[in-house]
């Protein structure tokens, strides 16, 4: 559900001198984060053009989804392509692969996003999601890839300069569609380990959809369906819900806001299981969710699907250095091809909303 400790925890590391440099860079970036996006720094792709502005934008985050090989024994997208009709529709009718990562069609296009951030090692969620949500080079600031939680030194960056906060500062309406327990994150030691998306939402005052909202269809569980809330959190009064119904609920939420953010984490968990069956099932659930979303989403909405690193696309070995999956569908989608790595997502979203 994205609410508990994940199985893959960061190890104990003695930080090199580069970490200290990263902290100094962080303070400088905090002062100039907005200016860098306007002046063509690394957080904005070169040659970016004025975007045909959609009425609203839905940013749908899928944890740990990359673009992999066209090999049915390795890649669950390739194994299950016939049972992923909505994914294929959004991907232009064909499966993006390492050999052909850019696909497009009448309903959407794929944007491969470099998740390595010019850093050695395997990309991780903490720095990857921070880069995605702020447009800043989080791996460079921290000195390495780090996850799954946001490094303590980078939390002010996420809290003060997330795409959610910047949309609100510009007078736009924004929503974080995920439901979280009213008591989250609590006061235990585990409460210090916070993922980037709920951290950004909490700082922006948008972590405000709890049990009641989920029961009324005004929020969506991070696992899409309500099974975990009913079984593990004791809320057996919550309605059972299909992925299609959850997608329709997200469409309704997005229709009321200029910017809506939703996060789904089970794709990364399925990748870590290294089970083809689990990975296929996870993708099929997301596909049904997208089906319900597209059926009800307003036609003037730009849907932007993004991830933070590769994982599920190769069931052999956990995180990968493959491009993270990006998908754009809706008004202005053609401009999404200007993005090429995670640092470009937030500047693109802000420009699409007419903010920067």
Protein backbone atom coordinates (compact mmCIF):
# COMPACT_ATOMS: atom_id res chain seq x y z
CA UNK A 1 0.00 0.00 0.00
CA UNK A 2 3.01 2.29 0.12
CA UNK A 3 2.36 2.77 3.85
CA UNK A 4 4.76 0.23 5.32
CA UNK A 5 8.48 -0.40 5.23
CA UNK A 6 9.59 -1.94 1.98
CA UNK A 7 11.75 -5.04 1.80
CA UNK A 8 14.62 -3.23 0.12
CA UNK A 9 16.30 -0.95 2.63
CA UNK A 10 19.39 1.18 2.14
CA UNK A 11 22.58 -0.18 3.62
CA UNK A 12 24.94 1.54 5.99
CA UNK A 13 27.33 3.74 4.05
CA UNK A 14 30.13 6.07 5.04
CA UNK A 15 29.57 9.12 2.92
CA UNK A 16 32.49 10.48 0.91
CA UNK A 17 33.53 14.13 0.72
CA UNK A 18 31.20 14.49 -2.28
CA UNK A 19 28.25 14.23 0.12
CA UNK A 20 29.40 17.42 1.85
CA UNK A 21 29.63 19.12 -1.50
CA UNK A 22 26.11 17.91 -2.23
CA UNK A 23 24.79 19.54 0.92
CA UNK A 24 26.31 22.86 -0.07
CA UNK A 25 24.82 22.46 -3.53
CA UNK A 26 21.46 21.75 -1.93
CA UNK A 27 21.36 25.09 -0.14
CA UNK A 28 22.27 26.87 -3.37
CA UNK A 29 19.66 24.94 -5.33
CA UNK A 30 17.01 25.72 -2.73
CA UNK A 31 17.63 29.42 -3.31
CA UNK A 32 17.59 29.12 -7.10
CA UNK A 33 15.35 26.15 -7.89
CA UNK A 34 12.64 28.19 -9.58
CA UNK A 35 15.09 30.38 -11.47
CA UNK A 36 16.98 27.36 -12.87
CA UNK A 37 13.81 26.02 -14.46
CA UNK A 38 13.20 29.35 -16.21
CA UNK A 39 16.75 29.89 -17.42
CA UNK A 40 17.36 26.58 -19.17
CA UNK A 41 19.43 24.75 -16.55
CA UNK A 42 19.67 20.99 -16.41
CA UNK A 43 16.16 20.73 -15.00
CA UNK A 44 14.70 21.97 -18.28
CA UNK A 45 15.29 20.28 -21.65
CA UNK A 46 17.03 22.33 -24.30
CA UNK A 47 14.88 23.58 -27.14
CA UNK A 48 11.67 23.32 -25.14
CA UNK A 49 8.76 25.08 -26.77
CA UNK A 50 5.57 26.72 -25.63
CA UNK A 51 3.01 24.06 -24.73
CA UNK A 52 -0.60 23.97 -25.91
CA UNK A 53 -2.02 24.19 -22.43
CA UNK A 54 -4.49 21.54 -21.26
CA UNK A 55 -7.23 22.54 -18.86
CA UNK A 56 -5.72 20.27 -16.21
CA UNK A 57 -2.98 17.70 -15.75
CA UNK A 58 -3.03 14.31 -14.03
CA UNK A 59 0.39 13.05 -12.95
CA UNK A 60 0.15 9.30 -12.39
CA UNK A 61 3.22 7.76 -10.76
CA UNK A 62 4.02 4.05 -11.11
CA UNK A 63 6.91 2.92 -8.93
CA UNK A 64 9.66 0.83 -10.52
CA UNK A 65 8.48 0.58 -14.13
CA UNK A 66 11.05 0.76 -16.90
CA UNK A 67 11.37 -0.02 -20.60
CA UNK A 68 12.95 -3.43 -21.14
CA UNK A 69 13.81 -6.06 -23.68
CA UNK A 70 11.27 -7.54 -26.07
CA UNK A 71 11.65 -10.92 -24.41
CA UNK A 72 8.67 -12.78 -22.97
CA UNK A 73 10.82 -14.77 -20.53
CA UNK A 74 12.23 -11.60 -18.97
CA UNK A 75 9.77 -8.75 -19.49
CA UNK A 76 6.20 -9.11 -18.16
CA UNK A 77 5.04 -6.43 -20.62
CA UNK A 78 6.16 -8.75 -23.43
CA UNK A 79 4.70 -11.83 -21.73
CA UNK A 80 1.29 -10.22 -21.13
CA UNK A 81 0.99 -7.76 -24.01
CA UNK A 82 -2.26 -9.34 -25.25
CA UNK A 83 -3.86 -8.75 -21.83
CA UNK A 84 -2.72 -5.12 -21.52
CA UNK A 85 -4.98 -3.38 -24.07
CA UNK A 86 -5.10 0.00 -22.31
CA UNK A 87 -1.34 0.17 -21.86
CA UNK A 88 -0.89 -0.66 -25.54
CA UNK A 89 -3.44 1.97 -26.54
CA UNK A 90 -1.60 4.64 -24.56
CA UNK A 91 1.73 3.41 -25.95
CA UNK A 92 0.65 3.92 -29.53
CA UNK A 93 -0.38 0.34 -30.22
CA UNK A 94 3.02 -1.29 -29.77
CA UNK A 95 5.27 -2.23 -26.88
CA UNK A 96 8.23 0.11 -26.26
CA UNK A 97 11.48 -1.80 -25.91
CA UNK A 98 15.15 -1.00 -25.49
CA UNK A 99 15.46 -1.34 -29.26
CA UNK A 100 12.47 0.91 -29.98
CA UNK A 101 11.69 3.00 -26.92
CA UNK A 102 9.75 5.79 -28.65
CA UNK A 103 6.29 4.62 -29.70
CA UNK A 104 3.26 6.76 -30.47
CA UNK A 105 -0.26 6.59 -31.82
CA UNK A 106 -3.65 8.34 -31.79
CA UNK A 107 -4.20 7.86 -28.04
CA UNK A 108 -0.75 8.47 -26.59
CA UNK A 109 3.00 8.29 -26.83
CA UNK A 110 5.89 6.85 -24.83
CA UNK A 111 8.65 9.05 -23.43
CA UNK A 112 11.65 7.08 -22.15
CA UNK A 113 13.10 8.90 -19.13
CA UNK A 114 16.73 8.44 -18.15
CA UNK A 115 16.72 7.55 -14.45
CA UNK A 116 20.48 7.27 -13.98
CA UNK A 117 20.91 11.04 -13.52
CA UNK A 118 24.48 10.77 -14.85
CA UNK A 119 25.40 8.73 -11.78
CA UNK A 120 26.97 5.29 -11.49
CA UNK A 121 25.06 2.55 -9.70
CA UNK A 122 21.44 1.49 -9.75
CA UNK A 123 18.80 4.24 -9.57
CA UNK A 124 16.77 4.29 -6.34
CA UNK A 125 13.39 5.64 -5.34
CA UNK A 126 14.47 8.30 -2.84
CA UNK A 127 16.66 10.32 -5.18
CA UNK A 128 14.68 9.37 -8.30
CA UNK A 129 11.35 10.55 -6.92
CA UNK A 130 12.96 13.70 -5.55
CA UNK A 131 14.33 14.52 -9.01
CA UNK A 132 10.96 13.79 -10.59
CA UNK A 133 9.01 15.98 -8.14
CA UNK A 134 11.41 18.95 -8.06
CA UNK A 135 13.35 18.99 -11.32
CA UNK A 136 16.59 18.97 -9.35
CA UNK A 137 19.50 16.52 -9.65
CA UNK A 138 18.92 14.68 -6.39
CA UNK A 139 21.54 11.99 -6.95
CA UNK A 140 24.21 14.62 -7.50
CA UNK A 141 23.08 16.57 -4.45
CA UNK A 142 23.23 13.47 -2.29
CA UNK A 143 26.38 12.10 -3.87
CA UNK A 144 24.83 8.82 -5.00
CA UNK A 145 21.55 7.07 -5.69
CA UNK A 146 19.60 6.50 -2.48
CA UNK A 147 16.34 4.86 -1.50
CA UNK A 148 13.70 3.96 -0.92
CA UNK A 149 13.24 7.00 1.34
CA UNK A 150 14.15 10.63 0.75
CA UNK A 151 17.57 11.41 2.28
CA UNK A 152 17.20 13.67 5.30
CA UNK A 153 19.32 16.40 3.72
CA UNK A 154 17.02 16.50 0.68
CA UNK A 155 13.72 16.67 2.54
CA UNK A 156 13.61 20.50 2.57
CA UNK A 157 13.94 20.42 -1.22
CA UNK A 158 10.93 18.12 -1.56
CA UNK A 159 8.91 20.00 1.04
CA UNK A 160 9.55 23.50 -0.29
CA UNK A 161 9.96 23.04 -4.04
CA UNK A 162 7.81 20.11 -5.12
CA UNK A 163 5.63 20.45 -8.19
CA UNK A 164 2.61 20.42 -5.87
CA UNK A 165 3.86 23.35 -3.78
CA UNK A 166 4.87 25.34 -6.83
CA UNK A 167 1.47 24.85 -8.42
CA UNK A 168 -0.21 26.09 -5.24
CA UNK A 169 2.18 29.05 -5.00
CA UNK A 170 1.15 30.02 -8.53
CA UNK A 171 -2.52 30.06 -7.55
CA UNK A 172 -3.47 26.72 -9.11
CA UNK A 173 -5.57 24.08 -7.40
CA UNK A 174 -3.86 20.79 -6.65
CA UNK A 175 -4.74 17.43 -5.13
CA UNK A 176 -2.93 14.34 -3.89
CA UNK A 177 -5.47 11.61 -4.66
CA UNK A 178 -4.01 8.86 -2.46
CA UNK A 179 -5.78 7.92 0.75
CA UNK A 180 -3.57 7.70 3.85
CA UNK A 181 -4.64 6.71 7.37
CA UNK A 182 -5.46 9.69 9.51
CA UNK A 183 -2.77 8.60 11.99
CA UNK A 184 0.02 8.39 9.38
CA UNK A 185 3.00 8.64 9.76
CA UNK A 186 2.74 8.19 13.52
CA UNK A 187 5.50 8.69 16.05
CA UNK A 188 7.46 5.43 15.90
CA UNK A 189 10.99 5.14 14.56
CA UNK A 190 9.56 4.01 11.23
CA UNK A 191 7.75 7.31 10.85
CA UNK A 192 11.08 8.90 9.94
CA UNK A 193 11.25 6.89 6.72
CA UNK A 194 9.05 8.85 4.31
CA UNK A 195 8.73 8.48 0.56
CA UNK A 196 8.93 11.58 -1.60
CA UNK A 197 5.34 11.75 -2.80
CA UNK A 198 3.52 11.74 0.57
CA UNK A 199 6.28 13.98 1.96
CA UNK A 200 5.58 16.55 -0.75
CA UNK A 201 1.83 16.23 -0.28
CA UNK A 202 2.05 16.61 3.50
CA UNK A 203 4.24 19.72 3.23
CA UNK A 204 1.82 21.25 0.73
CA UNK A 205 -1.17 20.59 3.00
CA UNK A 206 -2.59 18.05 0.56
CA UNK A 207 -2.31 14.84 2.59
CA UNK A 208 -5.96 15.26 3.50
CA UNK A 209 -7.75 12.21 2.09
CA UNK A 210 -8.30 9.58 4.75
CA UNK A 211 -10.58 6.63 5.49
CA UNK A 212 -13.80 8.54 5.01
CA UNK A 213 -12.75 9.91 1.64
CA UNK A 214 -11.74 6.45 0.49
CA UNK A 215 -15.13 5.06 1.48
CA UNK A 216 -16.90 7.84 -0.41
CA UNK A 217 -14.82 7.43 -3.57
CA UNK A 218 -13.05 10.78 -3.06
CA UNK A 219 -9.67 9.11 -2.71
CA UNK A 220 -7.84 6.13 -4.17
CA UNK A 221 -5.82 3.51 -2.32
CA UNK A 222 -2.17 3.33 -3.33
CA UNK A 223 -2.77 -0.34 -4.20
CA UNK A 224 -5.72 0.78 -6.42
CA UNK A 225 -8.25 -1.57 -4.78
CA UNK A 226 -9.25 -1.38 -1.11
CA UNK A 227 -8.20 -4.90 -0.09
CA UNK A 228 -5.24 -3.86 2.05
CA UNK A 229 -7.24 -1.25 3.93
CA UNK A 230 -9.97 -3.82 4.61
CA UNK A 231 -7.67 -6.70 5.57
CA UNK A 232 -4.58 -5.16 7.17
CA UNK A 233 -5.77 -1.81 8.50
CA UNK A 234 -9.05 -3.01 9.98
CA UNK A 235 -11.38 -0.94 7.81
CA UNK A 236 -13.60 -3.81 6.74
CA UNK A 237 -16.47 -1.36 6.29
CA UNK A 238 -14.82 0.04 3.19
CA UNK A 239 -16.46 -1.08 -0.05
CA UNK A 240 -14.80 -3.64 -2.26
CA UNK A 241 -13.84 -1.87 -5.44
CA UNK A 242 -12.61 -2.94 -8.86
CA UNK A 243 -9.57 -1.37 -10.54
CA UNK A 244 -11.90 0.14 -13.15
CA UNK A 245 -14.01 1.78 -10.44
CA UNK A 246 -10.88 3.12 -8.76
CA UNK A 247 -9.79 4.58 -12.09
CA UNK A 248 -13.16 6.29 -12.49
CA UNK A 249 -12.77 7.77 -9.00
CA UNK A 250 -9.36 9.17 -9.92
CA UNK A 251 -10.86 10.72 -13.06
CA UNK A 252 -13.48 12.48 -10.93
CA UNK A 253 -10.83 13.82 -8.54
CA UNK A 254 -8.69 15.11 -11.39
CA UNK A 255 -11.67 16.88 -12.92
CA UNK A 256 -11.87 19.17 -9.90
CA UNK A 257 -8.24 20.34 -9.85
CA UNK A 258 -5.64 21.92 -12.12
CA UNK A 259 -3.03 19.38 -11.00
CA UNK A 260 -3.65 15.95 -9.51
CA UNK A 261 -0.95 13.55 -8.33
CA UNK A 262 -1.55 9.85 -7.70
CA UNK A 263 1.06 7.24 -6.69
CA UNK A 264 1.00 3.45 -7.09
CA UNK A 265 3.80 1.35 -5.57
CA UNK A 266 2.85 -2.31 -6.11
CA UNK A 267 4.62 -2.43 -9.47
CA UNK A 268 7.97 -2.00 -7.71
CA UNK A 269 7.06 -4.61 -5.11
CA UNK A 270 6.16 -7.04 -7.89
CA UNK A 271 9.51 -6.39 -9.55
CA UNK A 272 11.35 -7.17 -6.35
CA UNK A 273 9.49 -10.46 -6.06
CA UNK A 274 11.25 -11.58 -9.26
CA UNK A 275 8.10 -13.55 -10.08
CA UNK A 276 6.74 -13.34 -13.61
CA UNK A 277 3.25 -14.22 -12.39
CA UNK A 278 3.29 -11.45 -9.77
CA UNK A 279 4.65 -8.94 -12.28
CA UNK A 280 2.03 -9.81 -14.91
CA UNK A 281 -0.77 -9.57 -12.32
CA UNK A 282 0.49 -6.17 -11.17
CA UNK A 283 0.52 -4.81 -14.73
CA UNK A 284 -2.93 -6.23 -15.45
CA UNK A 285 -4.32 -4.44 -12.40
CA UNK A 286 -2.82 -1.14 -13.56
CA UNK A 287 -4.17 -1.74 -17.06
CA UNK A 288 -7.71 -2.18 -15.72
CA UNK A 289 -7.22 0.94 -13.59
CA UNK A 290 -6.17 2.92 -16.65
CA UNK A 291 -9.21 1.59 -18.52
CA UNK A 292 -11.58 3.00 -15.90
CA UNK A 293 -9.62 6.25 -15.79
CA UNK A 294 -9.70 6.87 -19.53
CA UNK A 295 -13.39 6.08 -19.78
CA UNK A 296 -14.23 8.88 -17.34
CA UNK A 297 -11.36 11.37 -17.64
CA UNK A 298 -12.23 14.74 -19.16
CA UNK A 299 -10.96 15.12 -22.72
CA UNK A 300 -9.17 18.40 -21.86
CA UNK A 301 -6.94 16.61 -19.33
CA UNK A 302 -3.31 15.79 -20.07
CA UNK A 303 -2.42 12.43 -18.54
CA UNK A 304 1.26 12.02 -17.73
CA UNK A 305 2.36 8.59 -16.48
CA UNK A 306 5.87 8.51 -15.01
CA UNK A 307 8.13 6.22 -13.01
CA UNK A 308 11.32 6.67 -11.02
CA UNK A 309 13.49 3.75 -12.18
CA UNK A 310 13.32 0.41 -13.91
CA UNK A 311 12.49 -2.84 -12.11
CA UNK A 312 9.38 -4.74 -13.12
CA UNK A 313 10.38 -4.89 -16.80
CA UNK A 314 13.14 -7.40 -15.98
CA UNK A 315 12.15 -10.08 -13.48
CA UNK A 316 15.70 -11.36 -13.10
CA UNK A 317 17.38 -8.78 -10.91
CA UNK A 318 15.44 -5.96 -9.19
CA UNK A 319 16.31 -2.35 -10.06
CA UNK A 320 17.77 -1.67 -13.51
CA UNK A 321 19.46 1.17 -15.34
CA UNK A 322 16.84 0.97 -18.07
CA UNK A 323 14.87 4.10 -19.00
CA UNK A 324 11.93 4.78 -16.71
CA UNK A 325 8.57 4.58 -18.45
CA UNK A 326 6.87 7.84 -19.38
CA UNK A 327 3.52 8.07 -21.19
CA UNK A 328 1.65 11.19 -22.30
CA UNK A 329 -1.94 11.27 -23.51
CA UNK A 330 -4.15 14.26 -24.15
CA UNK A 331 -3.86 17.90 -25.22
CA UNK A 332 -0.22 18.96 -25.50
CA UNK A 333 1.10 15.40 -25.38
CA UNK A 334 3.34 16.00 -28.40
CA UNK A 335 5.47 18.38 -26.33
CA UNK A 336 6.21 15.66 -23.78
CA UNK A 337 8.78 14.23 -26.16
CA UNK A 338 11.02 17.16 -25.16
CA UNK A 339 11.60 15.37 -21.84
CA UNK A 340 14.48 12.93 -21.69
CA UNK A 341 15.15 12.31 -17.99
CA UNK A 342 13.48 12.53 -14.58
CA UNK A 343 14.67 16.11 -14.02
CA UNK A 344 12.50 17.33 -16.91
CA UNK A 345 9.15 16.16 -15.52
CA UNK A 346 8.42 19.00 -13.09
CA UNK A 347 9.45 21.80 -15.53
CA UNK A 348 7.24 20.20 -18.18
CA UNK A 349 4.26 19.97 -15.80
CA UNK A 350 4.64 23.59 -14.74
CA UNK A 351 4.86 24.80 -18.33
CA UNK A 352 1.85 22.72 -19.30
CA UNK A 353 -0.10 24.49 -16.56
CA UNK A 354 1.16 27.88 -17.72
CA UNK A 355 3.18 28.46 -14.58
CA UNK A 356 6.75 28.62 -15.93
